[in-house]
N, C-alpha and C. Protein backbone atom coordinates (compact mmCIF):
# COMPACT_ATOMS: atom_id res chain seq x y z
N MET A 1 -21.87 64.57 -80.09
CA MET A 1 -21.11 63.54 -80.53
C MET A 1 -20.54 63.72 -81.60
N THR A 2 -19.01 63.56 -81.84
CA THR A 2 -18.40 63.47 -83.42
C THR A 2 -18.91 62.18 -83.93
N LEU A 3 -17.91 62.87 -85.27
CA LEU A 3 -18.35 61.32 -85.74
C LEU A 3 -17.61 60.09 -85.97
N GLU A 4 -15.97 60.34 -85.11
CA GLU A 4 -14.98 59.49 -84.86
C GLU A 4 -15.89 58.36 -83.83
N GLU A 5 -16.98 59.53 -82.48
CA GLU A 5 -17.28 58.21 -81.91
C GLU A 5 -18.35 57.92 -82.41
N GLY A 6 -19.40 58.46 -83.29
CA GLY A 6 -19.94 57.33 -83.64
C GLY A 6 -19.86 56.18 -84.24
N ILE A 7 -18.79 56.40 -84.92
CA ILE A 7 -18.20 55.06 -85.70
C ILE A 7 -17.84 54.10 -84.97
N PHE A 8 -16.76 54.63 -83.70
CA PHE A 8 -17.09 53.73 -82.58
C PHE A 8 -17.81 53.04 -82.16
N TYR A 9 -19.17 53.42 -81.73
CA TYR A 9 -19.88 52.91 -81.26
C TYR A 9 -20.78 51.62 -82.22
N VAL A 10 -20.76 52.37 -83.71
CA VAL A 10 -21.10 51.17 -84.43
C VAL A 10 -19.98 50.20 -84.50
N VAL A 11 -18.72 50.37 -84.34
CA VAL A 11 -18.18 49.27 -84.82
C VAL A 11 -17.82 48.26 -83.47
N ALA A 12 -18.12 49.41 -82.37
CA ALA A 12 -18.42 48.44 -81.30
C ALA A 12 -19.36 47.20 -81.36
N ALA A 13 -20.39 48.03 -81.82
CA ALA A 13 -22.06 47.29 -81.66
C ALA A 13 -21.62 46.09 -82.39
N VAL A 14 -20.79 46.17 -83.67
CA VAL A 14 -20.67 44.82 -84.65
C VAL A 14 -19.94 43.75 -84.10
N THR A 15 -19.16 44.68 -82.72
CA THR A 15 -18.17 43.43 -82.46
C THR A 15 -18.74 42.88 -80.90
N VAL A 16 -19.95 43.80 -80.47
CA VAL A 16 -20.18 42.54 -79.25
C VAL A 16 -21.46 42.08 -80.26
N LEU A 17 -22.24 42.16 -81.53
CA LEU A 17 -23.46 41.19 -81.82
C LEU A 17 -22.38 39.91 -82.54
N GLY A 18 -21.39 40.47 -82.91
CA GLY A 18 -20.69 38.91 -83.22
C GLY A 18 -20.38 37.83 -82.30
N GLY A 19 -19.51 38.64 -81.01
CA GLY A 19 -19.33 37.52 -80.26
C GLY A 19 -20.79 37.11 -79.16
N LEU A 20 -21.56 38.48 -79.31
CA LEU A 20 -23.15 37.15 -78.69
C LEU A 20 -23.58 36.51 -79.96
N GLY A 21 -23.43 36.55 -81.21
CA GLY A 21 -23.34 35.63 -82.24
C GLY A 21 -22.29 34.14 -82.03
N VAL A 22 -21.47 34.39 -81.67
CA VAL A 22 -20.37 33.01 -81.59
C VAL A 22 -20.79 32.49 -80.62
N VAL A 23 -21.53 32.91 -78.99
CA VAL A 23 -21.85 32.31 -78.02
C VAL A 23 -23.53 31.69 -78.22
N LEU A 24 -24.08 31.92 -78.94
CA LEU A 24 -25.84 31.69 -79.13
C LEU A 24 -25.67 31.29 -80.66
N ALA A 25 -25.26 30.90 -81.08
CA ALA A 25 -24.97 29.94 -82.38
C ALA A 25 -25.17 28.54 -82.34
N ARG A 26 -26.25 28.13 -83.15
CA ARG A 26 -26.28 26.87 -82.63
C ARG A 26 -25.56 25.86 -83.29
N SER A 27 -25.54 26.33 -84.63
CA SER A 27 -24.10 25.45 -85.39
C SER A 27 -22.96 26.08 -85.52
N VAL A 28 -22.42 25.30 -85.38
CA VAL A 28 -20.32 25.33 -84.92
C VAL A 28 -19.99 26.43 -86.59
N VAL A 29 -20.89 26.12 -87.46
CA VAL A 29 -19.74 26.83 -88.50
C VAL A 29 -20.76 28.23 -88.43
N TYR A 30 -21.64 28.22 -88.15
CA TYR A 30 -22.37 29.70 -87.96
C TYR A 30 -21.47 30.77 -86.77
N ALA A 31 -20.90 29.60 -85.57
CA ALA A 31 -20.44 30.38 -84.71
C ALA A 31 -19.10 30.76 -85.71
N ALA A 32 -18.74 29.87 -86.35
CA ALA A 32 -17.17 30.18 -87.12
C ALA A 32 -17.09 31.80 -87.74
N LEU A 33 -18.24 31.71 -88.09
CA LEU A 33 -18.51 33.09 -89.32
C LEU A 33 -18.63 34.44 -88.36
N PHE A 34 -19.63 34.17 -87.35
CA PHE A 34 -19.90 35.26 -86.45
C PHE A 34 -18.63 35.34 -86.12
N LEU A 35 -17.65 34.49 -85.66
CA LEU A 35 -15.80 34.72 -84.95
C LEU A 35 -15.05 36.20 -86.22
N ILE A 36 -15.90 35.54 -87.35
CA ILE A 36 -15.35 36.63 -88.36
C ILE A 36 -15.67 37.90 -88.14
N VAL A 37 -16.98 38.16 -88.09
CA VAL A 37 -17.79 39.93 -88.00
C VAL A 37 -16.86 40.07 -86.51
N ALA A 38 -17.21 39.69 -85.66
CA ALA A 38 -16.07 40.00 -84.31
C ALA A 38 -14.97 40.47 -84.48
N LEU A 39 -14.28 39.53 -85.21
CA LEU A 39 -12.78 39.91 -85.21
C LEU A 39 -12.66 40.86 -86.06
N LEU A 40 -13.45 41.08 -87.47
CA LEU A 40 -13.13 42.23 -87.74
C LEU A 40 -13.78 43.66 -87.26
N GLY A 41 -14.80 43.32 -86.07
CA GLY A 41 -15.01 44.75 -85.30
C GLY A 41 -13.68 44.61 -84.37
N VAL A 42 -12.97 43.86 -83.98
CA VAL A 42 -11.97 44.69 -83.40
C VAL A 42 -10.98 45.08 -84.16
N ALA A 43 -10.69 44.54 -85.34
CA ALA A 43 -9.72 45.28 -86.51
C ALA A 43 -10.38 46.73 -86.50
N GLY A 44 -11.38 47.18 -86.95
CA GLY A 44 -11.73 48.18 -86.78
C GLY A 44 -11.51 49.33 -85.55
N VAL A 45 -11.93 48.58 -84.45
CA VAL A 45 -11.20 49.53 -83.70
C VAL A 45 -9.62 49.77 -83.76
N PHE A 46 -8.88 48.48 -84.29
CA PHE A 46 -7.45 48.80 -83.99
C PHE A 46 -7.30 50.43 -84.99
N LEU A 47 -8.24 50.30 -86.26
CA LEU A 47 -7.84 51.45 -86.96
C LEU A 47 -8.64 52.90 -86.30
N LEU A 48 -9.39 52.45 -85.37
CA LEU A 48 -9.76 54.10 -85.30
C LEU A 48 -8.78 54.67 -84.15
N LEU A 49 -7.62 53.34 -83.30
CA LEU A 49 -6.89 54.00 -83.01
C LEU A 49 -5.62 54.24 -83.31
N ALA A 50 -5.26 54.16 -84.86
CA ALA A 50 -4.34 54.43 -85.73
C ALA A 50 -3.42 53.79 -85.52
N ALA A 51 -3.55 52.37 -85.25
CA ALA A 51 -3.07 51.02 -85.19
C ALA A 51 -3.37 50.16 -86.55
N GLU A 52 -2.78 50.99 -87.14
CA GLU A 52 -3.21 49.96 -89.21
C GLU A 52 -2.28 48.63 -88.75
N PHE A 53 -1.17 48.72 -88.74
CA PHE A 53 -0.86 47.40 -88.65
C PHE A 53 -1.05 46.12 -87.66
N LEU A 54 -1.75 46.37 -86.26
CA LEU A 54 -2.61 45.41 -86.04
C LEU A 54 -3.90 45.53 -86.62
N ALA A 55 -4.43 46.00 -87.05
CA ALA A 55 -5.55 46.05 -87.58
C ALA A 55 -5.45 44.77 -88.95
N ILE A 56 -4.16 44.90 -89.69
CA ILE A 56 -4.11 44.43 -91.17
C ILE A 56 -3.77 42.83 -90.18
N VAL A 57 -2.98 42.66 -89.15
CA VAL A 57 -2.75 41.27 -88.59
C VAL A 57 -3.52 40.92 -88.19
N GLN A 58 -4.91 41.26 -87.33
CA GLN A 58 -6.08 40.81 -86.93
C GLN A 58 -7.09 40.30 -87.65
N VAL A 59 -6.84 41.07 -89.20
CA VAL A 59 -7.83 40.63 -89.95
C VAL A 59 -6.84 39.40 -90.60
N LEU A 60 -5.76 39.47 -90.93
CA LEU A 60 -5.01 38.15 -91.80
C LEU A 60 -4.66 36.83 -90.81
N ILE A 61 -4.54 37.42 -89.92
CA ILE A 61 -4.23 36.41 -88.83
C ILE A 61 -5.57 35.36 -87.85
N TYR A 62 -6.44 36.50 -87.44
CA TYR A 62 -7.32 36.11 -86.76
C TYR A 62 -8.35 35.78 -87.76
N GLY A 63 -8.68 36.78 -88.22
CA GLY A 63 -9.99 36.78 -89.21
C GLY A 63 -9.84 35.79 -89.98
N ALA A 64 -9.20 35.18 -90.98
CA ALA A 64 -8.49 34.65 -91.96
C ALA A 64 -8.35 33.13 -91.28
N ALA A 65 -6.87 33.27 -90.99
CA ALA A 65 -6.08 32.01 -90.81
C ALA A 65 -7.05 31.33 -89.77
N VAL A 66 -7.04 32.01 -88.67
CA VAL A 66 -7.63 31.16 -86.95
C VAL A 66 -8.74 30.35 -87.99
N THR A 67 -9.82 31.45 -88.10
CA THR A 67 -11.39 30.92 -88.24
C THR A 67 -11.31 29.88 -89.74
N ILE A 68 -10.51 29.79 -90.65
CA ILE A 68 -10.55 28.86 -91.54
C ILE A 68 -9.51 27.61 -90.82
N LEU A 69 -8.93 27.94 -89.71
CA LEU A 69 -8.05 26.51 -89.44
C LEU A 69 -9.41 26.04 -88.35
N ILE A 70 -9.98 26.81 -87.71
CA ILE A 70 -11.30 26.12 -86.98
C ILE A 70 -12.37 25.40 -87.96
N LEU A 71 -12.64 25.66 -88.93
CA LEU A 71 -13.59 24.97 -89.86
C LEU A 71 -12.72 24.04 -90.70
N PHE A 72 -11.38 24.11 -90.88
CA PHE A 72 -10.99 22.57 -91.50
C PHE A 72 -10.84 21.69 -90.31
N VAL A 73 -10.74 21.91 -89.46
CA VAL A 73 -10.54 21.41 -87.94
C VAL A 73 -12.36 20.46 -87.70
N LEU A 74 -13.12 21.27 -88.15
CA LEU A 74 -14.23 20.41 -88.16
C LEU A 74 -14.60 20.00 -88.59
N MET A 75 -13.96 20.27 -90.39
CA MET A 75 -14.46 19.47 -91.21
C MET A 75 -13.66 17.77 -90.84
N LEU A 76 -12.49 17.74 -90.60
CA LEU A 76 -11.75 16.82 -90.35
C LEU A 76 -12.00 16.21 -89.65
N THR A 77 -12.46 16.75 -88.45
CA THR A 77 -13.40 15.73 -87.05
C THR A 77 -14.65 15.18 -87.42
N ARG A 78 -15.04 15.63 -88.40
CA ARG A 78 -16.53 15.08 -88.53
C ARG A 78 -17.50 15.65 -87.16
N ALA A 79 -17.59 16.76 -86.88
CA ALA A 79 -18.59 17.40 -85.49
C ALA A 79 -19.87 16.85 -85.71
N ARG A 80 -20.11 16.29 -86.51
CA ARG A 80 -21.64 16.28 -86.72
C ARG A 80 -22.32 14.20 -85.99
N ASP A 81 -20.96 13.93 -86.03
CA ASP A 81 -21.33 12.07 -85.19
C ASP A 81 -21.34 12.87 -83.50
N VAL A 82 -20.96 13.55 -83.19
CA VAL A 82 -21.06 14.24 -82.14
C VAL A 82 -22.63 14.10 -81.13
N PRO A 83 -22.96 13.75 -80.25
CA PRO A 83 -24.15 14.01 -79.98
C PRO A 83 -24.53 15.43 -79.41
N GLN A 84 -25.71 15.98 -79.20
CA GLN A 84 -26.20 17.13 -78.93
C GLN A 84 -26.10 17.51 -77.82
N ALA A 85 -25.77 18.34 -77.34
CA ALA A 85 -25.76 18.53 -75.74
C ALA A 85 -27.37 18.92 -75.55
N VAL A 86 -27.43 18.57 -73.62
CA VAL A 86 -28.64 18.61 -73.16
C VAL A 86 -28.61 19.44 -71.50
N ASP A 87 -29.79 20.23 -71.95
CA ASP A 87 -29.67 21.38 -71.18
C ASP A 87 -29.67 20.93 -69.75
N GLY A 88 -28.88 20.96 -69.11
CA GLY A 88 -28.67 20.32 -67.64
C GLY A 88 -29.79 21.22 -66.81
N PRO A 89 -29.32 20.88 -65.28
CA PRO A 89 -29.60 21.82 -64.12
C PRO A 89 -28.34 22.67 -63.91
N GLN A 90 -27.86 23.14 -64.88
CA GLN A 90 -26.57 24.20 -64.51
C GLN A 90 -27.48 25.50 -65.24
N LYS A 91 -28.47 25.75 -66.56
CA LYS A 91 -28.50 26.04 -66.87
C LYS A 91 -29.22 27.81 -66.06
N PRO A 92 -30.09 27.54 -65.10
CA PRO A 92 -30.43 28.64 -64.26
C PRO A 92 -29.30 28.74 -63.93
N PHE A 93 -28.16 28.36 -62.94
CA PHE A 93 -27.44 28.62 -62.07
C PHE A 93 -26.10 29.73 -62.93
N ALA A 94 -26.27 29.33 -64.08
CA ALA A 94 -25.22 29.76 -65.02
C ALA A 94 -25.80 31.46 -65.28
N PHE A 95 -27.06 31.00 -65.66
CA PHE A 95 -27.84 32.33 -65.59
C PHE A 95 -27.54 33.77 -64.65
N VAL A 96 -27.80 33.18 -63.54
CA VAL A 96 -28.02 34.16 -62.05
C VAL A 96 -26.32 34.49 -61.84
N LEU A 97 -25.19 33.56 -62.31
CA LEU A 97 -24.01 34.14 -61.82
C LEU A 97 -23.47 35.09 -63.10
N GLY A 98 -23.94 34.78 -64.35
CA GLY A 98 -23.59 35.42 -65.58
C GLY A 98 -24.10 36.79 -65.13
N SER A 99 -25.44 37.16 -64.55
CA SER A 99 -26.24 38.25 -64.85
C SER A 99 -25.49 38.89 -63.48
N ALA A 100 -24.96 38.58 -62.19
CA ALA A 100 -24.01 38.61 -61.15
C ALA A 100 -23.01 39.62 -61.81
N LEU A 101 -22.25 38.63 -62.93
CA LEU A 101 -20.65 39.03 -63.02
C LEU A 101 -21.20 40.66 -63.92
N LEU A 102 -22.38 40.62 -64.83
CA LEU A 102 -22.78 41.70 -65.96
C LEU A 102 -22.72 42.68 -64.85
N GLY A 103 -23.81 42.75 -64.06
CA GLY A 103 -23.94 43.75 -62.88
C GLY A 103 -22.59 44.45 -62.08
N LEU A 104 -21.42 43.19 -61.70
CA LEU A 104 -20.54 43.99 -61.28
C LEU A 104 -19.72 44.76 -62.13
N LEU A 105 -19.73 44.43 -63.38
CA LEU A 105 -19.11 45.12 -64.55
C LEU A 105 -19.74 46.00 -64.81
N VAL A 106 -20.60 46.39 -64.59
CA VAL A 106 -21.85 47.55 -65.17
C VAL A 106 -21.28 48.58 -64.23
N THR A 107 -20.99 48.10 -62.53
CA THR A 107 -21.55 48.79 -61.59
C THR A 107 -19.69 49.33 -61.82
N ALA A 108 -18.96 48.81 -62.09
CA ALA A 108 -17.18 49.14 -61.85
C ALA A 108 -16.89 50.00 -63.12
N ILE A 109 -17.56 50.03 -64.17
CA ILE A 109 -17.83 50.95 -65.14
C ILE A 109 -18.21 52.01 -65.13
N VAL A 110 -19.15 52.41 -63.83
CA VAL A 110 -20.08 53.57 -64.00
C VAL A 110 -19.31 53.79 -62.70
N THR A 111 -18.86 53.67 -61.89
CA THR A 111 -18.51 54.39 -60.49
C THR A 111 -16.91 54.50 -60.60
N THR A 112 -16.35 54.16 -61.73
CA THR A 112 -14.71 54.60 -61.77
C THR A 112 -14.14 55.88 -62.52
N ASP A 113 -14.05 56.81 -61.67
CA ASP A 113 -13.28 58.11 -62.11
C ASP A 113 -12.58 57.80 -63.53
N TRP A 114 -12.73 57.90 -64.41
CA TRP A 114 -12.08 57.84 -65.82
C TRP A 114 -10.95 59.23 -65.67
N ALA A 115 -11.50 60.06 -65.64
CA ALA A 115 -10.34 61.09 -65.79
C ALA A 115 -9.39 60.95 -64.71
N ALA A 116 -9.75 60.77 -63.61
CA ALA A 116 -8.44 60.42 -62.76
C ALA A 116 -7.42 58.89 -63.49
N LEU A 117 -7.69 58.43 -64.13
CA LEU A 117 -6.87 57.27 -64.81
C LEU A 117 -6.21 57.92 -66.17
N GLY A 118 -6.00 58.85 -66.28
CA GLY A 118 -5.57 59.65 -67.82
C GLY A 118 -4.59 59.04 -67.97
N ALA A 119 -3.60 59.00 -69.13
CA ALA A 119 -2.62 58.40 -69.94
C ALA A 119 -1.38 59.30 -68.68
N THR A 120 -0.46 58.03 -68.71
CA THR A 120 0.69 58.54 -67.76
C THR A 120 1.86 58.88 -68.93
N GLU A 121 1.63 58.58 -69.79
CA GLU A 121 2.95 58.77 -70.72
C GLU A 121 2.26 58.82 -72.19
N GLN A 122 3.17 59.68 -73.40
CA GLN A 122 2.59 59.70 -74.65
C GLN A 122 3.18 58.05 -75.53
N ILE A 123 2.11 57.73 -76.06
CA ILE A 123 2.23 56.47 -76.99
C ILE A 123 2.80 57.17 -78.49
N THR A 124 3.83 56.74 -78.76
CA THR A 124 4.75 56.57 -79.99
C THR A 124 4.03 55.78 -80.91
N LEU A 125 3.89 56.35 -81.96
CA LEU A 125 3.28 55.02 -83.06
C LEU A 125 4.69 54.87 -83.43
N VAL A 126 4.82 53.62 -84.00
CA VAL A 126 5.70 53.07 -85.11
C VAL A 126 5.31 52.86 -86.23
N PRO A 127 5.86 53.05 -86.99
CA PRO A 127 5.65 52.65 -88.57
C PRO A 127 5.31 51.19 -88.88
N ALA A 128 4.66 50.83 -89.59
CA ALA A 128 4.57 49.21 -89.85
C ALA A 128 5.76 48.69 -90.64
N ARG A 129 6.47 49.98 -91.69
CA ARG A 129 7.69 49.13 -92.10
C ARG A 129 8.77 49.03 -91.24
N GLU A 130 8.91 49.63 -89.98
CA GLU A 130 9.65 49.43 -88.88
C GLU A 130 9.61 48.06 -88.16
N LEU A 131 8.29 48.09 -88.13
CA LEU A 131 8.28 46.66 -87.25
C LEU A 131 8.32 45.15 -88.09
N GLY A 132 8.04 45.64 -89.50
CA GLY A 132 8.27 44.59 -90.32
C GLY A 132 9.74 44.49 -90.40
N ARG A 133 10.44 45.24 -90.69
CA ARG A 133 12.19 45.27 -90.57
C ARG A 133 12.75 44.57 -89.32
N SER A 134 12.11 44.91 -87.76
CA SER A 134 12.09 44.54 -86.63
C SER A 134 12.11 42.57 -86.61
N LEU A 135 10.77 42.62 -87.36
CA LEU A 135 10.44 40.83 -87.32
C LEU A 135 11.57 40.28 -88.01
N PHE A 136 11.81 40.74 -89.01
CA PHE A 136 12.39 40.00 -90.33
C PHE A 136 14.08 40.19 -90.24
N ARG A 137 14.30 41.10 -89.21
CA ARG A 137 15.71 41.29 -89.13
C ARG A 137 16.45 40.52 -87.38
N ASN A 138 15.50 40.93 -86.48
CA ASN A 138 15.99 40.91 -85.15
C ASN A 138 15.23 39.37 -84.98
N TRP A 139 14.20 39.12 -85.24
CA TRP A 139 13.10 37.76 -84.95
C TRP A 139 12.80 37.07 -86.11
N SER A 140 13.46 37.01 -86.82
CA SER A 140 13.33 35.66 -88.34
C SER A 140 13.58 34.29 -87.27
N VAL A 141 14.26 34.01 -86.80
CA VAL A 141 14.24 32.69 -86.05
C VAL A 141 13.34 32.14 -85.63
N PRO A 142 12.52 32.84 -84.43
CA PRO A 142 11.39 32.44 -83.70
C PRO A 142 10.56 32.29 -84.64
N PHE A 143 9.99 33.64 -85.85
CA PHE A 143 9.14 33.28 -86.72
C PHE A 143 9.50 32.06 -87.22
N GLU A 144 10.16 31.51 -88.08
CA GLU A 144 10.52 30.14 -88.78
C GLU A 144 9.95 29.05 -87.60
N VAL A 145 10.57 29.18 -86.90
CA VAL A 145 9.70 28.12 -85.45
C VAL A 145 8.55 28.10 -85.32
N ALA A 146 7.84 29.21 -85.01
CA ALA A 146 6.47 29.01 -84.50
C ALA A 146 5.80 28.70 -86.03
N SER A 147 6.29 28.68 -87.20
CA SER A 147 5.74 28.45 -88.47
C SER A 147 5.68 27.22 -88.47
N LEU A 148 7.06 26.57 -88.42
CA LEU A 148 6.98 25.18 -88.32
C LEU A 148 6.41 24.51 -87.23
N VAL A 149 6.32 25.13 -85.99
CA VAL A 149 5.19 24.37 -85.18
C VAL A 149 3.68 24.47 -85.39
N LEU A 150 3.23 25.44 -86.23
CA LEU A 150 1.94 25.11 -86.47
C LEU A 150 1.73 24.51 -87.92
N ILE A 151 2.87 23.95 -88.61
CA ILE A 151 3.09 23.00 -89.71
C ILE A 151 2.82 21.88 -89.06
N VAL A 152 3.55 21.34 -87.95
CA VAL A 152 3.64 19.85 -87.78
C VAL A 152 2.45 19.85 -87.09
N ALA A 153 1.74 20.74 -86.53
CA ALA A 153 0.52 20.49 -85.75
C ALA A 153 -0.86 20.39 -86.50
N LEU A 154 -0.82 21.03 -87.72
CA LEU A 154 -1.58 20.75 -88.98
C LEU A 154 -1.55 19.41 -89.47
N VAL A 155 0.02 19.10 -89.78
CA VAL A 155 -0.07 17.50 -90.53
C VAL A 155 -0.61 16.84 -89.49
N GLY A 156 0.25 16.88 -87.76
CA GLY A 156 -0.64 15.78 -87.14
C GLY A 156 -2.10 15.40 -86.89
N ALA A 157 -2.60 16.35 -87.12
CA ALA A 157 -4.00 16.44 -87.33
C ALA A 157 -4.76 15.94 -88.48
N VAL A 158 -4.22 16.38 -89.57
CA VAL A 158 -4.27 15.43 -90.85
C VAL A 158 -4.34 13.96 -90.59
N ILE A 159 -3.24 13.57 -89.89
CA ILE A 159 -2.89 12.05 -89.95
C ILE A 159 -3.83 11.66 -89.27
N LEU A 160 -3.95 12.02 -87.76
CA LEU A 160 -4.89 11.49 -86.88
C LEU A 160 -6.56 11.52 -87.22
N ALA A 161 -6.98 12.57 -87.85
CA ALA A 161 -8.24 12.08 -88.20
C ALA A 161 -8.45 11.17 -89.78
N ARG A 162 -7.10 10.96 -90.21
CA ARG A 162 -7.12 9.60 -91.36
C ARG A 162 -7.31 8.45 -90.77
N MET A 163 -6.41 8.62 -89.69
CA MET A 163 -6.42 6.83 -89.22
C MET A 163 -7.70 7.00 -88.71
N GLU A 164 -8.18 7.68 -87.70
CA GLU A 164 -9.75 7.48 -87.48
C GLU A 164 -10.86 6.92 -88.41
N GLU A 165 -10.78 8.15 -89.10
CA GLU A 165 -11.16 7.54 -90.32
C GLU A 165 -11.20 5.99 -90.68
N GLU A 166 -9.97 5.50 -90.85
CA GLU A 166 -10.07 4.35 -91.60
C GLU A 166 -10.17 3.09 -90.34
N GLU A 167 -10.28 3.40 -89.08
CA GLU A 167 -10.60 2.15 -88.02
C GLU A 167 -12.06 2.28 -88.07
N GLU A 168 -12.51 3.14 -88.85
CA GLU A 168 -14.15 2.99 -88.88
C GLU A 168 -14.68 2.08 -89.89
């Protein structure tokens, strides 16, 4: 095993464990923190693939902004007032279905001839500087429209949360 493969396995394990933490965490805040770990692991995979721009975007947009937005929404909506879910009769069915899907996935991975599926074309690396130029020259208007939509949604969420708080 090479050093790069070893690093990949460590990063993949961190990503999978972070994902499991998201699903299995009892507290939503802990789930959001595990989400940060999982998304940082994905950024590590991007770094191993020599996609530095995607790694930085992953950390800044998903690892930071989306997770902070999730925590912000949780604080605004006061999720502690929601009653806890009770385990119902669907739990054994979900376990059987999940195990069957896991078995199907493992079978597909093991039986696939990965060498026959090799890369069909050479991937050309584009420097981050060129991506930035393209984003702000050719796509500046859609970029700003998306930012305005996000701001309007955030302000709307704050207003709705405040209105519900005043009604109580």
